[in-house]
PDB file of N, CA and C in Angstrom:
ATOM      1  N   THR A   1      78.802  95.942 135.513  1.00  0.00           N
ATOM      2  CA  THR A   1      79.604  95.663 134.330  1.00  0.00           C
ATOM      3  C   THR A   1      80.099  96.971 133.720  1.00  0.00           C
ATOM      4  N   VAL A   2      81.065  96.855 132.844  1.00  0.00           N
ATOM      5  CA  VAL A   2      81.609  98.022 132.148  1.00  0.00           C
ATOM      6  C   VAL A   2      80.516  98.714 131.344  1.00  0.00           C
ATOM      7  N   LEU A   3      79.590  97.940 130.811  1.00  0.00           N
ATOM      8  CA  LEU A   3      78.532  98.516 129.979  1.00  0.00           C
ATOM      9  C   LEU A   3      77.644  99.490 130.742  1.00  0.00           C
ATOM     10  N   THR A   4      77.545  99.331 132.045  1.00  0.00           N
ATOM     11  CA  THR A   4      76.660 100.212 132.808  1.00  0.00           C
ATOM     12  C   THR A   4      77.394 101.128 133.775  1.00  0.00           C
ATOM     13  N   ARG A   5      78.609 100.795 134.188  1.00  0.00           N
ATOM     14  CA  ARG A   5      79.287 101.574 135.221  1.00  0.00           C
ATOM     15  C   ARG A   5      80.257 102.611 134.707  1.00  0.00           C
ATOM     16  N   ASP A   6      80.955 102.352 133.631  1.00  0.00           N
ATOM     17  CA  ASP A   6      81.984 103.283 133.186  1.00  0.00           C
ATOM     18  C   ASP A   6      81.343 104.524 132.580  1.00  0.00           C
ATOM     19  N   PRO A   7      81.744 105.695 133.029  1.00  0.00           N
ATOM     20  CA  PRO A   7      81.109 106.915 132.529  1.00  0.00           C
ATOM     21  C   PRO A   7      81.578 107.338 131.133  1.00  0.00           C
ATOM     22  N   ALA A   8      82.683 106.802 130.665  1.00  0.00           N
ATOM     23  CA  ALA A   8      83.217 107.214 129.369  1.00  0.00           C
ATOM     24  C   ALA A   8      82.455 106.523 128.239  1.00  0.00           C
ATOM     25  N   PRO A   9      81.810 107.305 127.358  1.00  0.00           N
ATOM     26  CA  PRO A   9      81.049 106.703 126.251  1.00  0.00           C
ATOM     27  C   PRO A   9      81.902 105.787 125.369  1.00  0.00           C
ATOM     28  N   SER A  10      83.164 106.140 125.168  1.00  0.00           N
ATOM     29  CA  SER A  10      84.009 105.304 124.304  1.00  0.00           C
ATOM     30  C   SER A  10      84.265 103.939 124.936  1.00  0.00           C
ATOM     31  N   VAL A  11      84.458 103.898 126.246  1.00  0.00           N
ATOM     32  CA  VAL A  11      84.693 102.613 126.930  1.00  0.00           C
ATOM     33  C   VAL A  11      83.434 101.757 126.893  1.00  0.00           C
ATOM     34  N   ARG A  12      82.291 102.378 127.194  1.00  0.00           N
ATOM     35  CA  ARG A  12      81.026 101.636 127.119  1.00  0.00           C
ATOM     36  C   ARG A  12      80.782 101.147 125.691  1.00  0.00           C
ATOM     37  N   GLY A  13      81.110 101.986 124.720  1.00  0.00           N
ATOM     38  CA  GLY A  13      80.914 101.612 123.322  1.00  0.00           C
ATOM     39  C   GLY A  13      81.771 100.429 122.913  1.00  0.00           C
ATOM     40  N   LEU A  14      83.043 100.462 123.298  1.00  0.00           N
ATOM     41  CA  LEU A  14      83.933  99.347 122.947  1.00  0.00           C
ATOM     42  C   LEU A  14      83.495  98.061 123.627  1.00  0.00           C
ATOM     43  N   ALA A  15      83.047  98.156 124.874  1.00  0.00           N
ATOM     44  CA  ALA A  15      82.551  96.962 125.571  1.00  0.00           C
ATOM     45  C   ALA A  15      81.300  96.426 124.874  1.00  0.00           C
ATOM     46  N   GLY A  16      80.423  97.322 124.445  1.00  0.00           N
ATOM     47  CA  GLY A  16      79.220  96.909 123.724  1.00  0.00           C
ATOM     48  C   GLY A  16      79.548  96.241 122.402  1.00  0.00           C
ATOM     49  N   LEU A  17      80.557  96.771 121.699  1.00  0.00           N
ATOM     50  CA  LEU A  17      80.979  96.137 120.443  1.00  0.00           C
ATOM     51  C   LEU A  17      81.504  94.727 120.689  1.00  0.00           C
ATOM     52  N   ARG A  18      82.264  94.566 121.769  1.00  0.00           N
ATOM     53  CA  ARG A  18      82.778  93.225 122.086  1.00  0.00           C
ATOM     54  C   ARG A  18      81.635  92.253 122.375  1.00  0.00           C
ATOM     55  N   GLU A  19      80.668  92.717 123.149  1.00  0.00           N
ATOM     56  CA  GLU A  19      79.515  91.866 123.483  1.00  0.00           C
ATOM     57  C   GLU A  19      78.784  91.426 122.209  1.00  0.00           C
ATOM     58  N   ALA A  20      78.483  92.367 121.344  1.00  0.00           N
ATOM     59  CA  ALA A  20      77.747  92.057 120.116  1.00  0.00           C
ATOM     60  C   ALA A  20      78.568  91.156 119.190  1.00  0.00           C
ATOM     61  N   THR A  21      79.862  91.409 119.118  1.00  0.00           N
ATOM     62  CA  THR A  21      80.734  90.585 118.279  1.00  0.00           C
ATOM     63  C   THR A  21      80.775  89.145 118.790  1.00  0.00           C
ATOM     64  N   CYS A  22      80.786  88.990 120.104  1.00  0.00           N
ATOM     65  CA  CYS A  22      80.748  87.640 120.679  1.00  0.00           C
ATOM     66  C   CYS A  22      79.450  86.923 120.316  1.00  0.00           C
ATOM     67  N   LEU A  23      78.340  87.636 120.364  1.00  0.00           N
ATOM     68  CA  LEU A  23      77.060  87.034 119.980  1.00  0.00           C
ATOM     69  C   LEU A  23      77.082  86.618 118.505  1.00  0.00           C
ATOM     70  N   GLU A  24      77.705  87.439 117.660  1.00  0.00           N
ATOM     71  CA  GLU A  24      77.868  87.053 116.246  1.00  0.00           C
ATOM     72  C   GLU A  24      78.674  85.769 116.133  1.00  0.00           C
ATOM     73  N   ALA A  25      79.794  85.711 116.853  1.00  0.00           N
ATOM     74  CA  ALA A  25      80.680  84.541 116.784  1.00  0.00           C
ATOM     75  C   ALA A  25      79.995  83.282 117.292  1.00  0.00           C
ATOM     76  N   LEU A  26      79.040  83.446 118.193  1.00  0.00           N
ATOM     77  CA  LEU A  26      78.289  82.303 118.721  1.00  0.00           C
ATOM     78  C   LEU A  26      77.107  81.928 117.838  1.00  0.00           C
ATOM     79  N   ALA A  27      77.036  82.544 116.647  1.00  0.00           N
ATOM     80  CA  ALA A  27      75.954  82.284 115.689  1.00  0.00           C
ATOM     81  C   ALA A  27      74.589  82.587 116.292  1.00  0.00           C
ATOM     82  N   ARG A  28      74.498  83.730 116.956  1.00  0.00           N
ATOM     83  CA  ARG A  28      73.241  84.209 117.530  1.00  0.00           C
ATOM     84  C   ARG A  28      72.920  85.572 116.915  1.00  0.00           C
ATOM     85  N   PRO A  29      72.621  85.576 115.608  1.00  0.00           N
ATOM     86  CA  PRO A  29      72.494  86.841 114.882  1.00  0.00           C
ATOM     87  C   PRO A  29      71.369  87.743 115.349  1.00  0.00           C
ATOM     88  N   GLU A  30      70.252  87.184 115.777  1.00  0.00           N
ATOM     89  CA  GLU A  30      69.151  88.031 116.247  1.00  0.00           C
ATOM     90  C   GLU A  30      69.538  88.776 117.525  1.00  0.00           C
ATOM     91  N   GLU A  31      70.207  88.067 118.439  1.00  0.00           N
ATOM     92  CA  GLU A  31      70.662  88.709 119.673  1.00  0.00           C
ATOM     93  C   GLU A  31      71.754  89.729 119.380  1.00  0.00           C
ATOM     94  N   ALA A  32      72.645  89.393 118.455  1.00  0.00           N
ATOM     95  CA  ALA A  32      73.700  90.328 118.072  1.00  0.00           C
ATOM     96  C   ALA A  32      73.083  91.587 117.463  1.00  0.00           C
ATOM     97  N   ALA A  33      72.092  91.406 116.595  1.00  0.00           N
ATOM     98  CA  ALA A  33      71.436  92.558 115.967  1.00  0.00           C
ATOM     99  C   ALA A  33      70.795  93.456 117.023  1.00  0.00           C
ATOM    100  N   ALA A  34      70.129  92.855 117.994  1.00  0.00           N
ATOM    101  CA  ALA A  34      69.503  93.642 119.061  1.00  0.00           C
ATOM    102  C   ALA A  34      70.559  94.395 119.867  1.00  0.00           C
ATOM    103  N   SER A  35      71.673  93.738 120.124  1.00  0.00           N
ATOM    104  CA  SER A  35      72.764  94.380 120.867  1.00  0.00           C
ATOM    105  C   SER A  35      73.349  95.545 120.071  1.00  0.00           C
ATOM    106  N   TYR A  36      73.556  95.324 118.778  1.00  0.00           N
ATOM    107  CA  TYR A  36      74.069  96.408 117.932  1.00  0.00           C
ATOM    108  C   TYR A  36      73.081  97.570 117.870  1.00  0.00           C
ATOM    109  N   GLU A  37      71.798  97.280 117.780  1.00  0.00           N
ATOM    110  CA  GLU A  37      70.794  98.358 117.727  1.00  0.00           C
ATOM    111  C   GLU A  37      70.807  99.183 119.012  1.00  0.00           C
ATOM    112  N   ARG A  38      70.910  98.514 120.161  1.00  0.00           N
ATOM    113  CA  ARG A  38      71.005  99.250 121.435  1.00  0.00           C
ATOM    114  C   ARG A  38      72.256 100.114 121.457  1.00  0.00           C
ATOM    115  N   LEU A  39      73.344  99.559 120.964  1.00  0.00           N
ATOM    116  CA  LEU A  39      74.617 100.280 120.947  1.00  0.00           C
ATOM    117  C   LEU A  39      74.562 101.506 120.035  1.00  0.00           C
ATOM    118  N   ILE A  40      73.914 101.377 118.904  1.00  0.00           N
ATOM    119  CA  ILE A  40      73.774 102.510 117.983  1.00  0.00           C
ATOM    120  C   ILE A  40      73.023 103.642 118.676  1.00  0.00           C
ATOM    121  N   GLN A  41      71.956 103.309 119.362  1.00  0.00           N
ATOM    122  CA  GLN A  41      71.172 104.323 120.071  1.00  0.00           C
ATOM    123  C   GLN A  41      71.984 104.977 121.192  1.00  0.00           C
ATOM    124  N   ALA A  42      72.806 104.197 121.865  1.00  0.00           N
ATOM    125  CA  ALA A  42      73.557 104.705 123.011  1.00  0.00           C
ATOM    126  C   ALA A  42      74.859 105.399 122.619  1.00  0.00           C
ATOM    127  N   SER A  43      75.276 105.287 121.369  1.00  0.00           N
ATOM    128  CA  SER A  43      76.595 105.773 120.962  1.00  0.00           C
ATOM    129  C   SER A  43      76.557 107.048 120.143  1.00  0.00           C
ATOM    130  N   ARG A  44      75.556 107.842 120.321  1.00  0.00           N
ATOM    131  CA  ARG A  44      75.456 109.100 119.572  1.00  0.00           C
ATOM    132  C   ARG A  44      76.682 109.991 119.802  1.00  0.00           C
ATOM    133  N   ALA A  45      77.262 109.943 121.014  1.00  0.00           N
ATOM    134  CA  ALA A  45      78.409 110.795 121.340  1.00  0.00           C
ATOM    135  C   ALA A  45      79.723 110.217 120.835  1.00  0.00           C
ATOM    136  N   CYS A  46      79.688 109.023 120.302  1.00  0.00           N
ATOM    137  CA  CYS A  46      80.917 108.363 119.835  1.00  0.00           C
ATOM    138  C   CYS A  46      80.670 107.820 118.425  1.00  0.00           C
ATOM    139  N   PRO A  47      80.814 108.658 117.405  1.00  0.00           N
ATOM    140  CA  PRO A  47      80.469 108.265 116.034  1.00  0.00           C
ATOM    141  C   PRO A  47      81.214 107.036 115.506  1.00  0.00           C
ATOM    142  N   SER A  48      82.473 106.862 115.895  1.00  0.00           N
ATOM    143  CA  SER A  48      83.207 105.697 115.377  1.00  0.00           C
ATOM    144  C   SER A  48      82.609 104.400 115.904  1.00  0.00           C
ATOM    145  N   VAL A  49      82.163 104.383 117.147  1.00  0.00           N
ATOM    146  CA  VAL A  49      81.511 103.195 117.706  1.00  0.00           C
ATOM    147  C   VAL A  49      80.180 102.961 117.005  1.00  0.00           C
ATOM    148  N   ALA A  50      79.430 104.028 116.795  1.00  0.00           N
ATOM    149  CA  ALA A  50      78.129 103.894 116.123  1.00  0.00           C
ATOM    150  C   ALA A  50      78.308 103.352 114.712  1.00  0.00           C
ATOM    151  N   GLN A  51      79.343 103.807 114.008  1.00  0.00           N
ATOM    152  CA  GLN A  51      79.576 103.327 112.647  1.00  0.00           C
ATOM    153  C   GLN A  51      79.938 101.842 112.647  1.00  0.00           C
ATOM    154  N   GLU A  52      80.799 101.433 113.562  1.00  0.00           N
ATOM    155  CA  GLU A  52      81.147 100.009 113.666  1.00  0.00           C
ATOM    156  C   GLU A  52      79.926  99.180 114.056  1.00  0.00           C
ATOM    157  N   ALA A  53      79.087  99.715 114.914  1.00  0.00           N
ATOM    158  CA  ALA A  53      77.871  99.005 115.332  1.00  0.00           C
ATOM    159  C   ALA A  53      76.911  98.859 114.149  1.00  0.00           C
ATOM    160  N   ARG A  54      76.816  99.876 113.322  1.00  0.00           N
ATOM    161  CA  ARG A  54      75.948  99.786 112.135  1.00  0.00           C
ATOM    162  C   ARG A  54      76.459  98.711 111.182  1.00  0.00           C
ATOM    163  N   LEU A  55      77.774  98.619 111.010  1.00  0.00           N
ATOM    164  CA  LEU A  55      78.340  97.569 110.163  1.00  0.00           C
ATOM    165  C   LEU A  55      78.064  96.192 110.769  1.00  0.00           C
ATOM    166  N   GLY A  56      78.242  96.063 112.079  1.00  0.00           N
ATOM    167  CA  GLY A  56      77.939  94.796 112.754  1.00  0.00           C
ATOM    168  C   GLY A  56      76.469  94.434 112.643  1.00  0.00           C
ATOM    169  N   LEU A  57      75.599  95.438 112.754  1.00  0.00           N
ATOM    170  CA  LEU A  57      74.164  95.196 112.592  1.00  0.00           C
ATOM    171  C   LEU A  57      73.880  94.656 111.199  1.00  0.00           C
ATOM    172  N   ALA A  58      74.498  95.233 110.185  1.00  0.00           N
ATOM    173  CA  ALA A  58      74.298  94.747 108.813  1.00  0.00           C
ATOM    174  C   ALA A  58      74.744  93.288 108.683  1.00  0.00           C
ATOM    175  N   ARG A  59      75.901  92.950 109.251  1.00  0.00           N
ATOM    176  CA  ARG A  59      76.373  91.555 109.213  1.00  0.00           C
ATOM    177  C   ARG A  59      75.385  90.631 109.903  1.00  0.00           C
ATOM    178  N   SER A  60      74.894  91.050 111.059  1.00  0.00           N
ATOM    179  CA  SER A  60      73.954  90.224 111.818  1.00  0.00           C
ATOM    180  C   SER A  60      72.641  90.037 111.074  1.00  0.00           C
ATOM    181  N   LEU A  61      72.170  91.107 110.449  1.00  0.00           N
ATOM    182  CA  LEU A  61      70.939  91.006 109.660  1.00  0.00           C
ATOM    183  C   LEU A  61      71.118  90.054 108.481  1.00  0.00           C
ATOM    184  N   LEU A  62      72.275  90.114 107.831  1.00  0.00           N
ATOM    185  CA  LEU A  62      72.556  89.173 106.735  1.00  0.00           C
ATOM    186  C   LEU A  62      72.539  87.734 107.256  1.00  0.00           C
ATOM    187  N   ALA A  63      73.204  87.517 108.385  1.00  0.00           N
ATOM    188  CA  ALA A  63      73.273  86.164 108.958  1.00  0.00           C
ATOM    189  C   ALA A  63      71.896  85.661 109.383  1.00  0.00           C
ATOM    190  N   ALA A  64      71.025  86.571 109.779  1.00  0.00           N
ATOM    191  CA  ALA A  64      69.677  86.196 110.205  1.00  0.00           C
ATOM    192  C   ALA A  64      68.716  86.051 109.026  1.00  0.00           C
ATOM    193  N   GLY A  65      69.212  86.326 107.818  1.00  0.00           N
ATOM    194  CA  GLY A  65      68.369  86.202 106.634  1.00  0.00           C
ATOM    195  C   GLY A  65      67.473  87.394 106.387  1.00  0.00           C
ATOM    196  N   ARG A  66      67.705  88.477 107.071  1.00  0.00           N
ATOM    197  CA  ARG A  66      66.900  89.689 106.893  1.00  0.00           C
ATOM    198  C   ARG A  66      67.576  90.566 105.835  1.00  0.00           C
ATOM    199  N   LEU A  67      67.563  90.045 104.613  1.00  0.00           N
ATOM    200  CA  LEU A  67      68.365  90.612 103.538  1.00  0.00           C
ATOM    201  C   LEU A  67      67.939  92.009 103.117  1.00  0.00           C
ATOM    202  N   ASP A  68      66.654  92.276 103.015  1.00  0.00           N
ATOM    203  CA  ASP A  68      66.213  93.601 102.567  1.00  0.00           C
ATOM    204  C   ASP A  68      66.700  94.693 103.509  1.00  0.00           C
ATOM    205  N   ARG A  69      66.497  94.471 104.794  1.00  0.00           N
ATOM    206  CA  ARG A  69      66.946  95.485 105.768  1.00  0.00           C
ATOM    207  C   ARG A  69      68.464  95.599 105.784  1.00  0.00           C
ATOM    208  N   ALA A  70      69.157  94.454 105.690  1.00  0.00           N
ATOM    209  CA  ALA A  70      70.624  94.471 105.681  1.00  0.00           C
ATOM    210  C   ALA A  70      71.154  95.244 104.483  1.00  0.00           C
ATOM    211  N   ARG A  71      70.600  94.987 103.323  1.00  0.00           N
ATOM    212  CA  ARG A  71      71.071  95.683 102.124  1.00  0.00           C
ATOM    213  C   ARG A  71      70.787  97.182 102.188  1.00  0.00           C
ATOM    214  N   ALA A  72      69.630  97.538 102.716  1.00  0.00           N
ATOM    215  CA  ALA A  72      69.305  98.965 102.860  1.00  0.00           C
ATOM    216  C   ALA A  72      70.309  99.643 103.795  1.00  0.00           C
ATOM    217  N   LEU A  73      70.628  98.984 104.888  1.00  0.00           N
ATOM    218  CA  LEU A  73      71.601  99.536 105.822  1.00  0.00           C
ATOM    219  C   LEU A  73      72.980  99.624 105.182  1.00  0.00           C
ATOM    220  N   LEU A  74      73.367  98.598 104.431  1.00  0.00           N
ATOM    221  CA  LEU A  74      74.669  98.621 103.758  1.00  0.00           C
ATOM    222  C   LEU A  74      74.753  99.744 102.730  1.00  0.00           C
ATOM    223  N   ARG A  75      73.668  99.978 102.010  1.00  0.00           N
ATOM    224  CA  ARG A  75      73.673 101.096 101.057  1.00  0.00           C
ATOM    225  C   ARG A  75      73.807 102.434 101.783  1.00  0.00           C
ATOM    226  N   GLU A  76      73.126 102.539 102.910  1.00  0.00           N
ATOM    227  CA  GLU A  76      73.227 103.753 103.725  1.00  0.00           C
ATOM    228  C   GLU A  76      74.665 103.928 104.244  1.00  0.00           C
ATOM    229  N   LEU A  77      75.249 102.835 104.714  1.00  0.00           N
ATOM    230  CA  LEU A  77      76.631 102.879 105.184  1.00  0.00           C
ATOM    231  C   LEU A  77      77.582 103.254 104.055  1.00  0.00           C
ATOM    232  N   ARG A  78      77.346 102.703 102.887  1.00  0.00           N
ATOM    233  CA  ARG A  78      78.202 103.018 101.738  1.00  0.00           C
ATOM    234  C   ARG A  78      78.153 104.508 101.446  1.00  0.00           C
ATOM    235  N   ARG A  79      76.962 105.064 101.461  1.00  0.00           N
ATOM    236  CA  ARG A  79      76.812 106.499 101.210  1.00  0.00           C
ATOM    237  C   ARG A  79      77.549 107.319 102.266  1.00  0.00           C
ATOM    238  N   ASP A  80      77.412 106.917 103.532  1.00  0.00           N
ATOM    239  CA  ASP A  80      78.019 107.658 104.634  1.00  0.00           C
ATOM    240  C   ASP A  80      79.519 107.415 104.764  1.00  0.00           C
ATOM    241  N   ALA A  81      80.013 106.315 104.209  1.00  0.00           N
ATOM    242  CA  ALA A  81      81.384 105.890 104.482  1.00  0.00           C
ATOM    243  C   ALA A  81      82.319 105.984 103.286  1.00  0.00           C
ATOM    244  N   MET A  82      81.962 106.758 102.306  1.00  0.00           N
ATOM    245  CA  MET A  82      82.775 106.808 101.092  1.00  0.00           C
ATOM    246  C   MET A  82      84.257 107.069 101.385  1.00  0.00           C
ATOM    247  N   LEU A  83      84.563 107.832 102.402  1.00  0.00           N
ATOM    248  CA  LEU A  83      85.951 108.158 102.711  1.00  0.00           C
ATOM    249  C   LEU A  83      86.473 107.454 103.954  1.00  0.00           C
ATOM    250  N   SER A  84      85.713 106.532 104.489  1.00  0.00           N
ATOM    251  CA  SER A  84      86.142 105.903 105.735  1.00  0.00           C
ATOM    252  C   SER A  84      86.790 104.545 105.485  1.00  0.00           C
ATOM    253  N   SER A  85      87.332 104.003 106.549  1.00  0.00           N
ATOM    254  CA  SER A  85      88.030 102.722 106.468  1.00  0.00           C
ATOM    255  C   SER A  85      87.086 101.544 106.317  1.00  0.00           C
ATOM    256  N   ILE A  86      85.787 101.716 106.545  1.00  0.00           N
ATOM    257  CA  ILE A  86      84.875 100.569 106.444  1.00  0.00           C
ATOM    258  C   ILE A  86      84.302 100.402 105.033  1.00  0.00           C
ATOM    259  N   TYR A  87      84.631 101.298 104.125  1.00  0.00           N
ATOM    260  CA  TYR A  87      84.044 101.237 102.781  1.00  0.00           C
ATOM    261  C   TYR A  87      84.244  99.866 102.140  1.00  0.00           C
ATOM    262  N   ARG A  88      85.444  99.324 102.212  1.00  0.00           N
ATOM    263  CA  ARG A  88      85.728  98.017 101.600  1.00  0.00           C
ATOM    264  C   ARG A  88      84.872  96.924 102.231  1.00  0.00           C
ATOM    265  N   SER A  89      84.719  96.946 103.554  1.00  0.00           N
ATOM    266  CA  SER A  89      83.891  95.942 104.230  1.00  0.00           C
ATOM    267  C   SER A  89      82.440  96.029 103.777  1.00  0.00           C
ATOM    268  N   VAL A  90      81.944  97.243 103.642  1.00  0.00           N
ATOM    269  CA  VAL A  90      80.566  97.437 103.187  1.00  0.00           C
ATOM    270  C   VAL A  90      80.403  96.897 101.772  1.00  0.00           C
ATOM    271  N   GLU A  91      81.329  97.222 100.896  1.00  0.00           N
ATOM    272  CA  GLU A  91      81.249  96.740  99.515  1.00  0.00           C
ATOM    273  C   GLU A  91      81.284  95.211  99.454  1.00  0.00           C
ATOM    274  N   GLU A  92      82.139  94.588 100.255  1.00  0.00           N
ATOM    275  CA  GLU A  92      82.219  93.122 100.271  1.00  0.00           C
ATOM    276  C   GLU A  92      80.913  92.506 100.765  1.00  0.00           C
ATOM    277  N   LEU A  93      80.332  93.063 101.817  1.00  0.00           N
ATOM    278  CA  LEU A  93      79.075  92.532 102.331  1.00  0.00           C
ATOM    279  C   LEU A  93      77.940  92.699 101.323  1.00  0.00           C
ATOM    280  N   LEU A  94      77.894  93.843 100.655  1.00  0.00           N
ATOM    281  CA  LEU A  94      76.866  94.038  99.613  1.00  0.00           C
ATOM    282  C   LEU A  94      77.031  93.029  98.480  1.00  0.00           C
ATOM    283  N   ARG A  95      78.253  92.831  98.051  1.00  0.00           N
ATOM    284  CA  ARG A  95      78.509  91.873  96.966  1.00  0.00           C
ATOM    285  C   ARG A  95      78.134  90.461  97.390  1.00  0.00           C
ATOM    286  N   ASP A  96      78.530  90.076  98.599  1.00  0.00           N
ATOM    287  CA  ASP A  96      78.221  88.731  99.090  1.00  0.00           C
ATOM    288  C   ASP A  96      76.722  88.516  99.292  1.00  0.00           C
ATOM    289  N   SER A  97      76.013  89.569  99.681  1.00  0.00           N
ATOM    290  CA  SER A  97      74.579  89.408  99.935  1.00  0.00           C
ATOM    291  C   SER A  97      73.787  89.249  98.635  1.00  0.00           C
ATOM    292  N   ALA A  98      74.386  89.610  97.523  1.00  0.00           N
ATOM    293  CA  ALA A  98      73.703  89.500  96.226  1.00  0.00           C
ATOM    294  C   ALA A  98      73.774  88.074  95.668  1.00  0.00           C
ATOM    295  N   ARG A  99      74.580  87.255  96.247  1.00  0.00           N
ATOM    296  CA  ARG A  99      74.760  85.873  95.744  1.00  0.00           C
ATOM    297  C   ARG A  99      73.631  84.984  96.159  1.00  0.00           C
TER     298      ARG A  99
END
């Protein structure tokens, strides 16, 4: 598969994001969270993929009801993403998780 054969970290990262996103869409948040966690560990050389994976992990944790960990991750993302394009998504997820 692309996840194991392609030598380019960005290609492997994008394929991993697609896999995890599909698991989210199938309402399998625990599996999606595990996939995102593996991707975060493997994407050290590709910060944009790691950042998207961290956001996906937060969404998956929220969907799985693991609110404390999700909120902690979202706060961490907010701190790290003040100038990035994901700031609005992080703020929306934090607001929604407080309801």
